[in-house]
N, C-alpha and C. Protein backbone atom coordinates (compact mmCIF):
# COMPACT_ATOMS: atom_id res chain seq x y z
N MET A 1 -5.40 49.32 -22.70
CA MET A 1 -5.28 49.00 -21.27
C MET A 1 -4.10 49.77 -20.67
N ALA A 2 -4.30 50.30 -19.49
CA ALA A 2 -3.24 51.06 -18.83
C ALA A 2 -2.10 50.14 -18.43
N GLN A 3 -0.90 50.67 -18.55
CA GLN A 3 0.29 49.90 -18.20
C GLN A 3 0.90 50.46 -16.92
N GLN A 4 1.34 49.55 -16.03
CA GLN A 4 1.96 49.98 -14.78
C GLN A 4 3.47 49.94 -14.88
N HIS A 5 4.11 50.91 -14.25
CA HIS A 5 5.56 50.97 -14.18
C HIS A 5 5.97 51.13 -12.73
N GLU A 6 7.07 50.49 -12.37
CA GLU A 6 7.57 50.58 -11.00
C GLU A 6 8.71 51.58 -10.93
N ILE A 7 8.69 52.42 -9.91
CA ILE A 7 9.81 53.31 -9.62
C ILE A 7 10.59 52.64 -8.51
N VAL A 8 11.88 52.41 -8.76
CA VAL A 8 12.70 51.70 -7.78
C VAL A 8 13.78 52.63 -7.21
N SER A 9 14.26 52.28 -6.03
CA SER A 9 15.32 53.06 -5.40
C SER A 9 16.63 52.84 -6.16
N PRO A 10 17.33 53.92 -6.50
CA PRO A 10 18.60 53.78 -7.21
C PRO A 10 19.75 53.32 -6.30
N LEU A 11 19.56 53.50 -4.99
CA LEU A 11 20.62 53.23 -4.02
C LEU A 11 20.02 52.71 -2.72
N PRO A 12 20.82 52.03 -1.90
CA PRO A 12 20.35 51.72 -0.55
C PRO A 12 20.47 52.98 0.31
N GLY A 13 19.52 53.20 1.19
CA GLY A 13 19.57 54.39 2.05
C GLY A 13 18.23 54.60 2.72
N THR A 14 17.91 55.86 2.99
CA THR A 14 16.65 56.23 3.63
C THR A 14 15.80 56.99 2.62
N PHE A 15 14.56 56.55 2.43
CA PHE A 15 13.66 57.19 1.47
C PHE A 15 12.87 58.30 2.15
N TYR A 16 12.83 59.45 1.50
CA TYR A 16 12.03 60.57 2.00
C TYR A 16 11.02 60.98 0.94
N ARG A 17 9.76 61.11 1.38
CA ARG A 17 8.68 61.51 0.48
C ARG A 17 8.53 63.01 0.35
N ARG A 18 9.29 63.77 1.16
CA ARG A 18 9.16 65.23 1.15
C ARG A 18 10.55 65.87 1.15
N PRO A 19 10.68 67.08 0.61
CA PRO A 19 11.99 67.72 0.52
C PRO A 19 12.56 68.18 1.87
N SER A 20 11.67 68.43 2.85
CA SER A 20 12.11 68.80 4.19
C SER A 20 11.01 68.37 5.15
N PRO A 21 11.32 68.24 6.45
CA PRO A 21 10.33 67.73 7.41
C PRO A 21 9.01 68.51 7.46
N ASP A 22 9.06 69.80 7.18
CA ASP A 22 7.83 70.60 7.28
C ASP A 22 7.18 70.87 5.92
N ALA A 23 7.68 70.23 4.86
CA ALA A 23 7.14 70.43 3.51
C ALA A 23 6.12 69.35 3.17
N ALA A 24 5.29 69.64 2.19
CA ALA A 24 4.33 68.64 1.70
C ALA A 24 5.08 67.56 0.91
N PRO A 25 4.53 66.35 0.85
CA PRO A 25 5.17 65.29 0.06
C PRO A 25 5.29 65.69 -1.41
N PHE A 26 6.30 65.14 -2.07
CA PHE A 26 6.49 65.40 -3.51
C PHE A 26 5.25 64.97 -4.28
N VAL A 27 4.75 63.76 -4.00
CA VAL A 27 3.57 63.23 -4.69
C VAL A 27 2.73 62.42 -3.70
N GLU A 28 1.47 62.25 -4.06
CA GLU A 28 0.55 61.38 -3.33
C GLU A 28 -0.05 60.42 -4.34
N ALA A 29 -0.70 59.37 -3.87
CA ALA A 29 -1.45 58.50 -4.78
C ALA A 29 -2.47 59.36 -5.51
N GLY A 30 -2.54 59.21 -6.82
CA GLY A 30 -3.45 60.01 -7.63
C GLY A 30 -2.80 61.19 -8.30
N THR A 31 -1.58 61.55 -7.89
CA THR A 31 -0.86 62.67 -8.49
C THR A 31 -0.41 62.31 -9.91
N SER A 32 -0.64 63.21 -10.85
CA SER A 32 -0.12 63.03 -12.21
C SER A 32 1.31 63.56 -12.26
N VAL A 33 2.18 62.80 -12.93
CA VAL A 33 3.59 63.17 -13.03
C VAL A 33 4.04 63.13 -14.48
N GLU A 34 5.10 63.86 -14.76
CA GLU A 34 5.76 63.82 -16.06
C GLU A 34 7.07 63.06 -15.90
N SER A 35 7.63 62.61 -16.99
CA SER A 35 8.95 61.99 -16.95
C SER A 35 9.92 63.01 -16.39
N GLY A 36 10.71 62.64 -15.40
CA GLY A 36 11.66 63.57 -14.79
C GLY A 36 11.13 64.26 -13.54
N THR A 37 9.85 64.09 -13.22
CA THR A 37 9.30 64.66 -11.99
C THR A 37 9.96 63.98 -10.79
N VAL A 38 10.44 64.78 -9.84
CA VAL A 38 11.02 64.22 -8.62
C VAL A 38 9.88 63.72 -7.74
N VAL A 39 9.94 62.43 -7.37
CA VAL A 39 8.87 61.83 -6.56
C VAL A 39 9.33 61.49 -5.15
N GLY A 40 10.64 61.64 -4.89
CA GLY A 40 11.18 61.36 -3.57
C GLY A 40 12.68 61.54 -3.55
N LEU A 41 13.28 61.31 -2.39
CA LEU A 41 14.72 61.41 -2.21
C LEU A 41 15.22 60.16 -1.50
N VAL A 42 16.44 59.73 -1.87
CA VAL A 42 17.10 58.67 -1.11
C VAL A 42 18.37 59.29 -0.54
N GLU A 43 18.49 59.22 0.78
CA GLU A 43 19.65 59.81 1.48
C GLU A 43 20.63 58.70 1.83
N VAL A 44 21.88 58.92 1.43
CA VAL A 44 22.96 58.00 1.75
C VAL A 44 24.11 58.84 2.30
N MET A 45 24.45 58.64 3.55
CA MET A 45 25.57 59.36 4.18
C MET A 45 25.50 60.87 3.93
N LYS A 46 24.33 61.44 4.20
CA LYS A 46 24.06 62.88 4.09
C LYS A 46 24.05 63.40 2.64
N GLN A 47 24.08 62.52 1.67
CA GLN A 47 23.94 62.90 0.26
C GLN A 47 22.50 62.56 -0.17
N PHE A 48 21.79 63.56 -0.67
CA PHE A 48 20.41 63.35 -1.08
C PHE A 48 20.34 63.17 -2.59
N ASN A 49 19.76 62.06 -3.02
CA ASN A 49 19.65 61.71 -4.44
C ASN A 49 18.19 61.74 -4.86
N ASP A 50 17.90 62.52 -5.92
CA ASP A 50 16.53 62.59 -6.43
C ASP A 50 16.10 61.25 -6.99
N VAL A 51 14.86 60.91 -6.74
CA VAL A 51 14.23 59.76 -7.39
C VAL A 51 13.20 60.36 -8.35
N GLU A 52 13.35 60.08 -9.64
CA GLU A 52 12.49 60.67 -10.66
C GLU A 52 11.50 59.64 -11.20
N ALA A 53 10.38 60.14 -11.70
CA ALA A 53 9.34 59.26 -12.23
C ALA A 53 9.84 58.45 -13.42
N GLY A 54 10.54 59.09 -14.35
CA GLY A 54 11.04 58.37 -15.52
C GLY A 54 10.00 58.15 -16.61
N ILE A 55 8.74 58.38 -16.30
CA ILE A 55 7.67 58.19 -17.27
C ILE A 55 6.48 59.05 -16.85
N ALA A 56 5.72 59.51 -17.84
CA ALA A 56 4.52 60.29 -17.52
C ALA A 56 3.38 59.35 -17.15
N GLY A 57 2.60 59.75 -16.18
CA GLY A 57 1.45 58.93 -15.77
C GLY A 57 0.89 59.42 -14.46
N ARG A 58 0.22 58.51 -13.76
CA ARG A 58 -0.43 58.84 -12.49
C ARG A 58 0.07 57.87 -11.43
N VAL A 59 0.46 58.42 -10.28
CA VAL A 59 0.91 57.58 -9.17
C VAL A 59 -0.30 56.81 -8.65
N ILE A 60 -0.19 55.47 -8.64
CA ILE A 60 -1.33 54.67 -8.18
C ILE A 60 -1.08 54.01 -6.83
N GLU A 61 0.21 53.90 -6.46
CA GLU A 61 0.51 53.22 -5.19
C GLU A 61 1.87 53.68 -4.69
N ILE A 62 1.94 54.02 -3.41
CA ILE A 62 3.21 54.37 -2.75
C ILE A 62 3.47 53.28 -1.73
N LEU A 63 4.60 52.59 -1.88
CA LEU A 63 4.87 51.39 -1.11
C LEU A 63 5.81 51.60 0.07
N VAL A 64 6.43 52.78 0.16
CA VAL A 64 7.42 53.03 1.21
C VAL A 64 7.02 54.30 1.97
N ASP A 65 7.09 54.23 3.28
CA ASP A 65 6.77 55.39 4.12
C ASP A 65 7.93 56.37 4.17
N ASP A 66 7.62 57.60 4.51
CA ASP A 66 8.64 58.65 4.69
C ASP A 66 9.60 58.24 5.81
N GLY A 67 10.90 58.30 5.52
CA GLY A 67 11.91 57.97 6.53
C GLY A 67 12.23 56.49 6.65
N GLU A 68 11.68 55.68 5.76
CA GLU A 68 11.88 54.23 5.82
C GLU A 68 13.17 53.83 5.10
N PRO A 69 13.94 52.89 5.67
CA PRO A 69 15.14 52.41 4.97
C PRO A 69 14.75 51.59 3.73
N VAL A 70 15.53 51.75 2.65
CA VAL A 70 15.27 51.02 1.41
C VAL A 70 16.56 50.40 0.88
N ASP A 71 16.39 49.39 0.05
CA ASP A 71 17.51 48.75 -0.63
C ASP A 71 17.54 49.21 -2.08
N ALA A 72 18.69 49.11 -2.72
CA ALA A 72 18.79 49.40 -4.15
C ALA A 72 17.88 48.44 -4.90
N GLY A 73 17.09 48.97 -5.81
CA GLY A 73 16.19 48.15 -6.60
C GLY A 73 14.84 47.89 -5.95
N GLN A 74 14.66 48.34 -4.71
CA GLN A 74 13.36 48.15 -4.04
C GLN A 74 12.31 49.04 -4.69
N VAL A 75 11.13 48.48 -4.90
CA VAL A 75 10.03 49.26 -5.51
C VAL A 75 9.51 50.27 -4.49
N LEU A 76 9.51 51.55 -4.91
CA LEU A 76 9.05 52.64 -4.05
C LEU A 76 7.60 53.00 -4.31
N MET A 77 7.24 53.02 -5.60
CA MET A 77 5.88 53.36 -5.99
C MET A 77 5.60 52.84 -7.38
N ARG A 78 4.31 52.83 -7.71
CA ARG A 78 3.89 52.40 -9.04
C ARG A 78 3.17 53.53 -9.74
N ILE A 79 3.41 53.63 -11.04
CA ILE A 79 2.78 54.64 -11.88
C ILE A 79 2.02 53.93 -12.99
N GLU A 80 0.87 54.46 -13.32
CA GLU A 80 0.06 53.93 -14.41
C GLU A 80 0.12 54.93 -15.56
N GLU A 81 0.43 54.42 -16.75
CA GLU A 81 0.50 55.28 -17.94
C GLU A 81 -0.88 55.71 -18.38
């Protein structure tokens, strides 16, 4: 049976799904990722922090919109192994 893993925000700040406003999102639902794949950014006081998958699998759900404020520990997306 497939196992689900949650990717959480490492810090409070603003979550971005893309590296720049005119770029494509890092991942979409259905995207396969490897451990260490950057899946988003959290910006805190103009410092951008990579959010990495941490595990290989497939993104099954994205819970936060681009530009949405997040709290530390908030679930951003789910990955299925």
